[in-house]
Amino acid sequence: MKLQEAVSRIIAALNDAGLEFMLVGSFSSMYYSFPRSTTDADFVIGKSDWDAQALAKSLGNEFKFDPQLSFETFGGSVKNEIQIEGTPFRIELFRLTDQPFDRARFDRRRKVALGGDEVWIPTPEDVILQKLTLSRPKDQEDILGVIAVNHGTLDREYLDQWAEQLGLTEELAAAWQLATERS
């Protein structure tokens, strides 16, 4: 099974379960910038009390749900992990936190066509801000790509407001300068 097929099956299962969600991480940054390799897909689920066992059962045996919730140190969220049998692919299902930025980016999400599916993803501004908070090497490249491709249409006031609230003003300014110099 290819990762895109697994993502499509997760999207269908989440929709069938009536769960609000958004696809985040590398898939959302690639939507707004450039393709890159990845072995995982990350989703944020809009409610914390959904039935993980029912979702696992609806997906079938190819999807190996880790029944143990794990804690994400960067965002303070809890998540379920799913391994796709016989592949290096992994799906992470994060619970939406009560943090103001998490709520704002979830409320601002938009529905797009991606890989043959309609799916909710964060706005490009929220992709940039979330990746600035994580600040891993691949996140840095994703940030530069999203800014380079979209800098003429990004809501700079929104970006600056949240960057200040998140303590990321200098990081945003540096990324903006580097990305716009490259483009």
N, C-alpha and C. Protein backbone atom coordinates (compact mmCIF):
# COMPACT_ATOMS: atom_id res chain seq x y z
N MET A 1 0.85 -1.18 0.00
CA MET A 1 0.00 0.00 0.00
C MET A 1 0.89 1.24 0.00
N LYS A 2 0.56 2.18 -0.84
CA LYS A 2 1.28 3.46 -0.88
C LYS A 2 0.71 4.39 0.18
N LEU A 3 1.52 5.36 0.60
CA LEU A 3 1.09 6.28 1.65
C LEU A 3 -0.16 7.05 1.23
N GLN A 4 -0.24 7.51 -0.02
CA GLN A 4 -1.43 8.26 -0.46
C GLN A 4 -2.69 7.41 -0.34
N GLU A 5 -2.60 6.11 -0.65
CA GLU A 5 -3.75 5.22 -0.50
C GLU A 5 -4.15 5.11 0.98
N ALA A 6 -3.15 4.97 1.84
CA ALA A 6 -3.44 4.90 3.28
C ALA A 6 -4.09 6.19 3.77
N VAL A 7 -3.60 7.32 3.32
CA VAL A 7 -4.18 8.61 3.71
C VAL A 7 -5.62 8.69 3.23
N SER A 8 -5.89 8.26 2.01
CA SER A 8 -7.26 8.28 1.48
C SER A 8 -8.19 7.41 2.32
N ARG A 9 -7.70 6.27 2.75
CA ARG A 9 -8.52 5.39 3.58
C ARG A 9 -8.77 6.00 4.96
N ILE A 10 -7.78 6.67 5.51
CA ILE A 10 -7.98 7.35 6.80
C ILE A 10 -9.01 8.47 6.65
N ILE A 11 -8.89 9.26 5.58
CA ILE A 11 -9.84 10.35 5.33
C ILE A 11 -11.26 9.79 5.25
N ALA A 12 -11.44 8.72 4.50
CA ALA A 12 -12.77 8.11 4.36
C ALA A 12 -13.29 7.62 5.71
N ALA A 13 -12.42 6.98 6.50
CA ALA A 13 -12.84 6.47 7.80
C ALA A 13 -13.21 7.60 8.76
N LEU A 14 -12.43 8.67 8.74
CA LEU A 14 -12.74 9.82 9.61
C LEU A 14 -14.06 10.46 9.20
N ASN A 15 -14.27 10.60 7.89
CA ASN A 15 -15.54 11.14 7.40
C ASN A 15 -16.71 10.23 7.78
N ASP A 16 -16.54 8.92 7.59
CA ASP A 16 -17.60 7.97 7.94
C ASP A 16 -17.94 8.01 9.42
N ALA A 17 -16.92 8.28 10.26
CA ALA A 17 -17.13 8.36 11.71
C ALA A 17 -17.72 9.71 12.13
N GLY A 18 -17.84 10.63 11.17
CA GLY A 18 -18.41 11.94 11.48
C GLY A 18 -17.48 12.83 12.28
N LEU A 19 -16.18 12.60 12.16
CA LEU A 19 -15.20 13.38 12.93
C LEU A 19 -14.71 14.58 12.13
N GLU A 20 -14.60 15.71 12.80
CA GLU A 20 -13.97 16.87 12.20
C GLU A 20 -12.46 16.68 12.33
N PHE A 21 -11.71 17.01 11.28
CA PHE A 21 -10.27 16.78 11.29
C PHE A 21 -9.60 17.71 10.31
N MET A 22 -8.27 17.72 10.35
CA MET A 22 -7.48 18.35 9.29
C MET A 22 -6.18 17.56 9.13
N LEU A 23 -5.72 17.52 7.90
CA LEU A 23 -4.45 16.89 7.54
C LEU A 23 -3.36 17.95 7.69
N VAL A 24 -2.37 17.68 8.51
CA VAL A 24 -1.32 18.66 8.81
C VAL A 24 0.03 18.09 8.41
N GLY A 25 1.09 18.69 8.89
CA GLY A 25 2.44 18.16 8.65
C GLY A 25 2.89 18.31 7.21
N SER A 26 3.65 17.33 6.75
CA SER A 26 4.27 17.42 5.43
C SER A 26 3.23 17.49 4.31
N PHE A 27 2.10 16.82 4.45
CA PHE A 27 1.09 16.86 3.40
C PHE A 27 0.54 18.28 3.21
N SER A 28 0.30 18.99 4.31
CA SER A 28 -0.23 20.35 4.17
C SER A 28 0.84 21.31 3.64
N SER A 29 2.08 21.14 4.06
CA SER A 29 3.12 22.03 3.54
C SER A 29 3.37 21.75 2.06
N MET A 30 3.31 20.50 1.64
CA MET A 30 3.50 20.18 0.23
C MET A 30 2.37 20.75 -0.63
N TYR A 31 1.17 20.81 -0.07
CA TYR A 31 0.05 21.39 -0.82
C TYR A 31 0.36 22.83 -1.21
N TYR A 32 1.00 23.57 -0.30
CA TYR A 32 1.28 24.98 -0.53
C TYR A 32 2.66 25.26 -1.11
N SER A 33 3.49 24.24 -1.28
CA SER A 33 4.84 24.52 -1.77
C SER A 33 5.33 23.44 -2.72
N PHE A 34 6.32 22.66 -2.29
CA PHE A 34 7.00 21.72 -3.16
C PHE A 34 6.87 20.30 -2.62
N PRO A 35 6.82 19.30 -3.51
CA PRO A 35 6.78 17.92 -3.04
C PRO A 35 8.09 17.51 -2.38
N ARG A 36 7.98 16.62 -1.43
CA ARG A 36 9.16 16.04 -0.79
C ARG A 36 8.79 14.66 -0.29
N SER A 37 9.79 13.87 0.05
CA SER A 37 9.50 12.53 0.54
C SER A 37 9.06 12.59 1.99
N THR A 38 8.20 11.65 2.35
CA THR A 38 7.75 11.53 3.72
C THR A 38 7.28 10.10 3.95
N THR A 39 7.36 9.65 5.16
CA THR A 39 6.87 8.30 5.50
C THR A 39 5.73 8.36 6.50
N ASP A 40 5.19 9.57 6.72
CA ASP A 40 4.07 9.65 7.65
C ASP A 40 3.05 10.69 7.21
N ALA A 41 1.89 10.59 7.80
CA ALA A 41 0.83 11.58 7.60
C ALA A 41 0.26 11.88 8.98
N ASP A 42 0.01 13.16 9.22
CA ASP A 42 -0.47 13.61 10.52
C ASP A 42 -1.84 14.25 10.37
N PHE A 43 -2.74 13.87 11.26
CA PHE A 43 -4.08 14.43 11.29
C PHE A 43 -4.33 15.01 12.68
N VAL A 44 -5.11 16.09 12.74
CA VAL A 44 -5.60 16.61 14.01
C VAL A 44 -7.10 16.34 14.02
N ILE A 45 -7.56 15.67 15.08
CA ILE A 45 -8.98 15.35 15.25
C ILE A 45 -9.59 16.41 16.17
N GLY A 46 -10.74 16.94 15.80
CA GLY A 46 -11.34 18.07 16.49
C GLY A 46 -11.98 17.79 17.83
N LYS A 47 -12.10 16.56 18.24
CA LYS A 47 -12.64 16.27 19.57
C LYS A 47 -11.78 15.22 20.24
N SER A 48 -11.76 15.25 21.54
CA SER A 48 -10.83 14.38 22.27
C SER A 48 -11.43 13.02 22.64
N ASP A 49 -12.73 12.87 22.58
CA ASP A 49 -13.35 11.64 23.09
C ASP A 49 -13.88 10.73 21.98
N TRP A 50 -13.18 10.69 20.84
CA TRP A 50 -13.62 9.81 19.77
C TRP A 50 -13.18 8.38 20.04
N ASP A 51 -13.84 7.44 19.40
CA ASP A 51 -13.63 6.01 19.64
C ASP A 51 -12.54 5.46 18.72
N ALA A 52 -11.32 5.42 19.24
CA ALA A 52 -10.18 4.95 18.45
C ALA A 52 -10.35 3.49 18.05
N GLN A 53 -10.93 2.67 18.92
CA GLN A 53 -11.10 1.25 18.60
C GLN A 53 -12.08 1.05 17.44
N ALA A 54 -13.15 1.83 17.41
CA ALA A 54 -14.11 1.73 16.30
C ALA A 54 -13.46 2.17 15.00
N LEU A 55 -12.65 3.23 15.06
CA LEU A 55 -11.95 3.68 13.86
C LEU A 55 -10.98 2.61 13.38
N ALA A 56 -10.23 2.02 14.29
CA ALA A 56 -9.28 0.97 13.94
C ALA A 56 -10.00 -0.21 13.27
N LYS A 57 -11.13 -0.59 13.83
CA LYS A 57 -11.89 -1.71 13.27
C LYS A 57 -12.38 -1.39 11.86
N SER A 58 -12.80 -0.15 11.62
CA SER A 58 -13.30 0.22 10.30
C SER A 58 -12.19 0.24 9.24
N LEU A 59 -10.95 0.42 9.66
CA LEU A 59 -9.84 0.48 8.72
C LEU A 59 -9.36 -0.90 8.26
N GLY A 60 -9.53 -1.90 9.10
CA GLY A 60 -9.11 -3.24 8.72
C GLY A 60 -7.73 -3.60 9.25
N ASN A 61 -7.32 -4.83 8.96
CA ASN A 61 -6.11 -5.41 9.53
C ASN A 61 -4.81 -4.81 9.02
N GLU A 62 -4.82 -4.14 7.88
CA GLU A 62 -3.60 -3.54 7.34
C GLU A 62 -3.12 -2.36 8.19
N PHE A 63 -4.03 -1.82 8.97
CA PHE A 63 -3.73 -0.66 9.81
C PHE A 63 -3.59 -1.14 11.25
N LYS A 64 -2.37 -1.09 11.76
CA LYS A 64 -2.09 -1.57 13.11
C LYS A 64 -2.10 -0.39 14.09
N PHE A 65 -3.19 -0.26 14.81
CA PHE A 65 -3.36 0.80 15.79
C PHE A 65 -2.57 0.49 17.04
N ASP A 66 -1.79 1.42 17.50
CA ASP A 66 -1.17 1.28 18.82
C ASP A 66 -2.24 1.73 19.81
N PRO A 67 -2.73 0.83 20.67
CA PRO A 67 -3.82 1.19 21.58
C PRO A 67 -3.39 2.20 22.65
N GLN A 68 -2.10 2.32 22.85
CA GLN A 68 -1.58 3.23 23.87
C GLN A 68 -1.47 4.64 23.31
N LEU A 69 -2.09 5.59 23.97
CA LEU A 69 -1.92 6.99 23.58
C LEU A 69 -0.51 7.41 23.91
N SER A 70 0.09 8.22 23.05
CA SER A 70 1.41 8.77 23.36
C SER A 70 1.30 10.28 23.44
N PHE A 71 2.28 10.88 24.07
CA PHE A 71 2.28 12.32 24.33
C PHE A 71 3.26 12.99 23.39
N GLU A 72 2.82 14.02 22.71
CA GLU A 72 3.68 14.79 21.80
C GLU A 72 4.32 15.91 22.60
N THR A 73 5.63 15.87 22.74
CA THR A 73 6.33 16.84 23.59
C THR A 73 6.29 18.25 23.03
N PHE A 74 6.28 18.41 21.69
CA PHE A 74 6.31 19.75 21.11
C PHE A 74 5.03 20.52 21.35
N GLY A 75 3.89 19.90 21.13
CA GLY A 75 2.64 20.63 21.19
C GLY A 75 1.79 20.33 22.40
N GLY A 76 2.23 19.40 23.22
CA GLY A 76 1.45 19.05 24.40
C GLY A 76 0.18 18.28 24.06
N SER A 77 0.13 17.66 22.91
CA SER A 77 -1.04 16.92 22.47
C SER A 77 -0.83 15.43 22.70
N VAL A 78 -1.94 14.72 22.75
CA VAL A 78 -1.85 13.26 22.78
C VAL A 78 -2.22 12.75 21.40
N LYS A 79 -1.69 11.57 21.08
CA LYS A 79 -1.92 11.03 19.74
C LYS A 79 -2.01 9.52 19.77
N ASN A 80 -2.67 8.99 18.74
CA ASN A 80 -2.64 7.58 18.43
C ASN A 80 -1.73 7.40 17.23
N GLU A 81 -1.00 6.31 17.20
CA GLU A 81 -0.16 6.01 16.06
C GLU A 81 -0.69 4.76 15.37
N ILE A 82 -0.62 4.79 14.05
CA ILE A 82 -1.06 3.67 13.22
C ILE A 82 0.10 3.31 12.29
N GLN A 83 0.48 2.07 12.31
CA GLN A 83 1.50 1.55 11.38
C GLN A 83 0.76 0.86 10.25
N ILE A 84 1.17 1.10 9.02
CA ILE A 84 0.57 0.43 7.88
C ILE A 84 1.35 -0.85 7.64
N GLU A 85 0.69 -1.97 7.81
CA GLU A 85 1.30 -3.30 7.73
C GLU A 85 2.11 -3.48 6.45
N GLY A 86 3.36 -3.94 6.61
CA GLY A 86 4.21 -4.24 5.47
C GLY A 86 4.82 -3.03 4.78
N THR A 87 4.73 -1.87 5.41
CA THR A 87 5.29 -0.64 4.82
C THR A 87 6.04 0.14 5.91
N PRO A 88 6.82 1.13 5.50
CA PRO A 88 7.46 2.00 6.50
C PRO A 88 6.55 3.16 6.90
N PHE A 89 5.30 3.16 6.43
CA PHE A 89 4.41 4.30 6.63
C PHE A 89 3.72 4.28 7.99
N ARG A 90 3.53 5.49 8.50
CA ARG A 90 2.88 5.66 9.80
C ARG A 90 1.90 6.83 9.70
N ILE A 91 0.79 6.69 10.39
CA ILE A 91 -0.21 7.75 10.51
C ILE A 91 -0.27 8.14 11.98
N GLU A 92 -0.30 9.45 12.24
CA GLU A 92 -0.45 9.93 13.61
C GLU A 92 -1.74 10.73 13.69
N LEU A 93 -2.57 10.40 14.68
CA LEU A 93 -3.84 11.06 14.90
C LEU A 93 -3.75 11.84 16.21
N PHE A 94 -3.61 13.15 16.10
CA PHE A 94 -3.47 14.03 17.26
C PHE A 94 -4.84 14.52 17.72
N ARG A 95 -4.99 14.66 19.01
CA ARG A 95 -6.19 15.31 19.54
C ARG A 95 -5.94 16.82 19.56
N LEU A 96 -6.96 17.57 19.17
CA LEU A 96 -6.88 19.02 19.22
C LEU A 96 -6.74 19.46 20.67
N THR A 97 -5.78 20.34 20.93
CA THR A 97 -5.58 20.84 22.30
C THR A 97 -6.44 22.07 22.54
N ASP A 98 -6.44 22.55 23.77
CA ASP A 98 -7.15 23.79 24.11
C ASP A 98 -6.29 25.02 23.94
N GLN A 99 -5.08 24.86 23.42
CA GLN A 99 -4.19 26.00 23.21
C GLN A 99 -4.82 26.95 22.18
N PRO A 100 -4.77 28.26 22.44
CA PRO A 100 -5.42 29.22 21.53
C PRO A 100 -4.98 29.10 20.07
N PHE A 101 -3.69 28.91 19.82
CA PHE A 101 -3.25 28.79 18.43
C PHE A 101 -3.80 27.53 17.79
N ASP A 102 -3.81 26.41 18.51
CA ASP A 102 -4.35 25.18 17.95
C ASP A 102 -5.82 25.35 17.58
N ARG A 103 -6.58 26.00 18.45
CA ARG A 103 -8.00 26.24 18.17
C ARG A 103 -8.17 27.16 16.97
N ALA A 104 -7.35 28.22 16.90
CA ALA A 104 -7.46 29.18 15.80
C ALA A 104 -7.15 28.50 14.47
N ARG A 105 -6.08 27.70 14.42
CA ARG A 105 -5.74 27.08 13.13
C ARG A 105 -6.77 26.03 12.73
N PHE A 106 -7.38 25.37 13.70
CA PHE A 106 -8.42 24.41 13.38
C PHE A 106 -9.67 25.13 12.85
N ASP A 107 -10.02 26.24 13.46
CA ASP A 107 -11.18 27.02 13.03
C ASP A 107 -10.97 27.61 11.64
N ARG A 108 -9.73 27.91 11.28
CA ARG A 108 -9.41 28.54 9.99
C ARG A 108 -9.16 27.53 8.87
N ARG A 109 -9.14 26.26 9.15
CA ARG A 109 -8.81 25.24 8.15
C ARG A 109 -9.71 25.40 6.93
N ARG A 110 -9.22 24.87 5.81
CA ARG A 110 -9.99 24.96 4.57
C ARG A 110 -10.02 23.61 3.87
N LYS A 111 -11.09 23.40 3.12
CA LYS A 111 -11.25 22.15 2.38
C LYS A 111 -10.62 22.31 1.00
N VAL A 112 -9.77 21.34 0.64
CA VAL A 112 -9.08 21.36 -0.65
C VAL A 112 -9.14 19.97 -1.29
N ALA A 113 -8.84 19.91 -2.57
CA ALA A 113 -8.70 18.64 -3.27
C ALA A 113 -7.23 18.24 -3.21
N LEU A 114 -6.98 17.04 -2.71
CA LEU A 114 -5.61 16.57 -2.54
C LEU A 114 -5.57 15.08 -2.82
N GLY A 115 -4.81 14.69 -3.82
CA GLY A 115 -4.66 13.27 -4.14
C GLY A 115 -5.97 12.56 -4.42
N GLY A 116 -6.92 13.26 -5.04
CA GLY A 116 -8.20 12.64 -5.36
C GLY A 116 -9.22 12.70 -4.23
N ASP A 117 -8.85 13.28 -3.10
CA ASP A 117 -9.75 13.39 -1.96
C ASP A 117 -10.03 14.85 -1.65
N GLU A 118 -11.19 15.11 -1.07
CA GLU A 118 -11.43 16.41 -0.46
C GLU A 118 -11.04 16.27 1.00
N VAL A 119 -10.20 17.19 1.46
CA VAL A 119 -9.68 17.08 2.82
C VAL A 119 -9.49 18.48 3.40
N TRP A 120 -9.64 18.58 4.70
CA TRP A 120 -9.40 19.83 5.42
C TRP A 120 -7.91 19.94 5.75
N ILE A 121 -7.34 21.11 5.46
CA ILE A 121 -5.94 21.38 5.82
C ILE A 121 -5.85 22.77 6.43
N PRO A 122 -4.78 23.04 7.17
CA PRO A 122 -4.61 24.40 7.71
C PRO A 122 -4.30 25.39 6.60
N THR A 123 -4.47 26.66 6.89
CA THR A 123 -4.11 27.71 5.94
C THR A 123 -2.59 27.75 5.79
N PRO A 124 -2.07 28.37 4.74
CA PRO A 124 -0.61 28.44 4.60
C PRO A 124 0.04 29.20 5.77
N GLU A 125 -0.64 30.22 6.28
CA GLU A 125 -0.10 30.96 7.43
C GLU A 125 0.04 30.03 8.64
N ASP A 126 -0.98 29.19 8.86
CA ASP A 126 -0.93 28.29 10.01
C ASP A 126 0.08 27.16 9.83
N VAL A 127 0.32 26.75 8.58
CA VAL A 127 1.38 25.77 8.32
C VAL A 127 2.73 26.38 8.72
N ILE A 128 2.96 27.62 8.30
CA ILE A 128 4.22 28.30 8.63
C ILE A 128 4.39 28.41 10.14
N LEU A 129 3.36 28.89 10.82
CA LEU A 129 3.47 29.09 12.27
C LEU A 129 3.67 27.78 13.02
N GLN A 130 2.94 26.74 12.64
CA GLN A 130 3.09 25.45 13.31
C GLN A 130 4.50 24.90 13.10
N LYS A 131 5.00 25.01 11.89
CA LYS A 131 6.33 24.49 11.61
C LYS A 131 7.41 25.34 12.28
N LEU A 132 7.16 26.63 12.47
CA LEU A 132 8.10 27.46 13.24
C LEU A 132 8.17 26.99 14.69
N THR A 133 7.04 26.56 15.25
CA THR A 133 7.06 26.10 16.65
C THR A 133 7.85 24.80 16.78
N LEU A 134 7.81 23.96 15.75
CA LEU A 134 8.52 22.68 15.81
C LEU A 134 10.00 22.85 15.47
N SER A 135 10.27 23.59 14.40
CA SER A 135 11.62 24.01 14.03
C SER A 135 12.62 22.87 13.83
N ARG A 136 12.18 21.76 13.28
CA ARG A 136 13.08 20.68 12.90
C ARG A 136 13.66 20.99 11.53
N PRO A 137 14.74 20.36 11.10
CA PRO A 137 15.34 20.68 9.80
C PRO A 137 14.36 20.62 8.62
N LYS A 138 13.54 19.58 8.53
CA LYS A 138 12.57 19.49 7.43
C LYS A 138 11.52 20.59 7.56
N ASP A 139 11.18 20.95 8.80
CA ASP A 139 10.21 22.03 9.00
C ASP A 139 10.76 23.34 8.45
N GLN A 140 12.05 23.58 8.65
CA GLN A 140 12.66 24.81 8.15
C GLN A 140 12.54 24.90 6.63
N GLU A 141 12.81 23.80 5.94
CA GLU A 141 12.69 23.79 4.48
C GLU A 141 11.23 23.96 4.05
N ASP A 142 10.31 23.34 4.78
CA ASP A 142 8.89 23.50 4.47
C ASP A 142 8.46 24.96 4.63
N ILE A 143 8.90 25.60 5.70
CA ILE A 143 8.57 27.01 5.95
C ILE A 143 9.05 27.87 4.79
N LEU A 144 10.29 27.69 4.40
CA LEU A 144 10.85 28.48 3.29
C LEU A 144 10.08 28.25 2.00
N GLY A 145 9.70 27.01 1.75
CA GLY A 145 8.93 26.71 0.55
C GLY A 145 7.56 27.36 0.55
N VAL A 146 6.85 27.26 1.66
CA VAL A 146 5.51 27.85 1.73
C VAL A 146 5.59 29.37 1.58
N ILE A 147 6.56 30.00 2.23
CA ILE A 147 6.71 31.46 2.09
C ILE A 147 7.10 31.82 0.66
N ALA A 148 8.07 31.12 0.09
CA ALA A 148 8.54 31.44 -1.26
C ALA A 148 7.42 31.37 -2.29
N VAL A 149 6.60 30.35 -2.21
CA VAL A 149 5.53 30.16 -3.19
C VAL A 149 4.36 31.11 -2.95
N ASN A 150 4.09 31.47 -1.70
CA ASN A 150 2.87 32.19 -1.36
C ASN A 150 3.06 33.59 -0.79
N HIS A 151 4.29 34.10 -0.74
CA HIS A 151 4.54 35.34 0.00
C HIS A 151 3.68 36.51 -0.46
N GLY A 152 3.26 36.53 -1.72
CA GLY A 152 2.43 37.62 -2.22
C GLY A 152 0.99 37.59 -1.75
N THR A 153 0.54 36.43 -1.27
CA THR A 153 -0.87 36.30 -0.86
C THR A 153 -1.05 35.99 0.62
N LEU A 154 0.03 35.81 1.35
CA LEU A 154 -0.08 35.48 2.78
C LEU A 154 -0.60 36.66 3.58
N ASP A 155 -1.36 36.36 4.62
CA ASP A 155 -1.87 37.38 5.54
C ASP A 155 -0.77 37.71 6.54
N ARG A 156 0.02 38.71 6.21
CA ARG A 156 1.19 39.05 7.03
C ARG A 156 0.78 39.56 8.42
N GLU A 157 -0.33 40.26 8.50
CA GLU A 157 -0.80 40.75 9.81
C GLU A 157 -1.11 39.58 10.74
N TYR A 158 -1.80 38.56 10.22
CA TYR A 158 -2.10 37.36 10.99
C TYR A 158 -0.81 36.65 11.42
N LEU A 159 0.11 36.49 10.48
CA LEU A 159 1.39 35.85 10.78
C LEU A 159 2.14 36.59 11.89
N ASP A 160 2.22 37.92 11.76
CA ASP A 160 2.96 38.71 12.75
C ASP A 160 2.29 38.66 14.12
N GLN A 161 0.96 38.71 14.14
CA GLN A 161 0.23 38.66 15.42
C GLN A 161 0.52 37.35 16.16
N TRP A 162 0.37 36.23 15.46
CA TRP A 162 0.59 34.94 16.12
C TRP A 162 2.07 34.69 16.40
N ALA A 163 2.94 35.15 15.53
CA ALA A 163 4.38 34.99 15.79
C ALA A 163 4.73 35.70 17.09
N GLU A 164 4.19 36.88 17.31
CA GLU A 164 4.45 37.59 18.56
C GLU A 164 3.89 36.82 19.76
N GLN A 165 2.67 36.34 19.66
CA GLN A 165 2.05 35.59 20.76
C GLN A 165 2.80 34.30 21.05
N LEU A 166 3.35 33.68 20.04
CA LEU A 166 4.05 32.41 20.20
C LEU A 166 5.55 32.59 20.48
N GLY A 167 6.01 33.84 20.52
CA GLY A 167 7.43 34.09 20.76
C GLY A 167 8.31 33.73 19.58
N LEU A 168 7.79 33.90 18.37
CA LEU A 168 8.50 33.48 17.16
C LEU A 168 8.75 34.63 16.18
N THR A 169 8.70 35.86 16.67
CA THR A 169 8.83 37.03 15.79
C THR A 169 10.15 37.01 15.03
N GLU A 170 11.25 36.79 15.72
CA GLU A 170 12.56 36.78 15.06
C GLU A 170 12.68 35.63 14.07
N GLU A 171 12.17 34.47 14.44
CA GLU A 171 12.24 33.30 13.56
C GLU A 171 11.44 33.53 12.28
N LEU A 172 10.24 34.14 12.41
CA LEU A 172 9.43 34.43 11.23
C LEU A 172 10.13 35.45 10.34
N ALA A 173 10.68 36.49 10.93
CA ALA A 173 11.37 37.53 10.14
C ALA A 173 12.54 36.94 9.38
N ALA A 174 13.31 36.08 10.03
CA ALA A 174 14.47 35.47 9.38
C ALA A 174 14.03 34.54 8.24
N ALA A 175 13.00 33.74 8.48
CA ALA A 175 12.51 32.84 7.45
C ALA A 175 11.94 33.63 6.27
N TRP A 176 11.20 34.69 6.57
CA TRP A 176 10.61 35.52 5.51
C TRP A 176 11.70 36.10 4.63
N GLN A 177 12.72 36.65 5.26
CA GLN A 177 13.81 37.27 4.50
C GLN A 177 14.52 36.25 3.63
N LEU A 178 14.86 35.10 4.20
CA LEU A 178 15.56 34.07 3.44
C LEU A 178 14.70 33.54 2.28
N ALA A 179 13.43 33.29 2.55
CA ALA A 179 12.55 32.74 1.52
C ALA A 179 12.31 33.72 0.38
N THR A 180 12.14 34.98 0.71
CA THR A 180 11.87 35.96 -0.34
C THR A 180 13.13 36.30 -1.13
N GLU A 181 14.28 36.20 -0.49
CA GLU A 181 15.55 36.40 -1.22
C GLU A 181 15.76 35.27 -2.24
N ARG A 182 15.37 34.06 -1.87
CA ARG A 182 15.56 32.91 -2.75
C ARG A 182 14.60 32.93 -3.94
N SER A 183 13.42 33.52 -3.75
CA SER A 183 12.39 33.42 -4.82
C SER A 183 12.48 34.51 -5.85
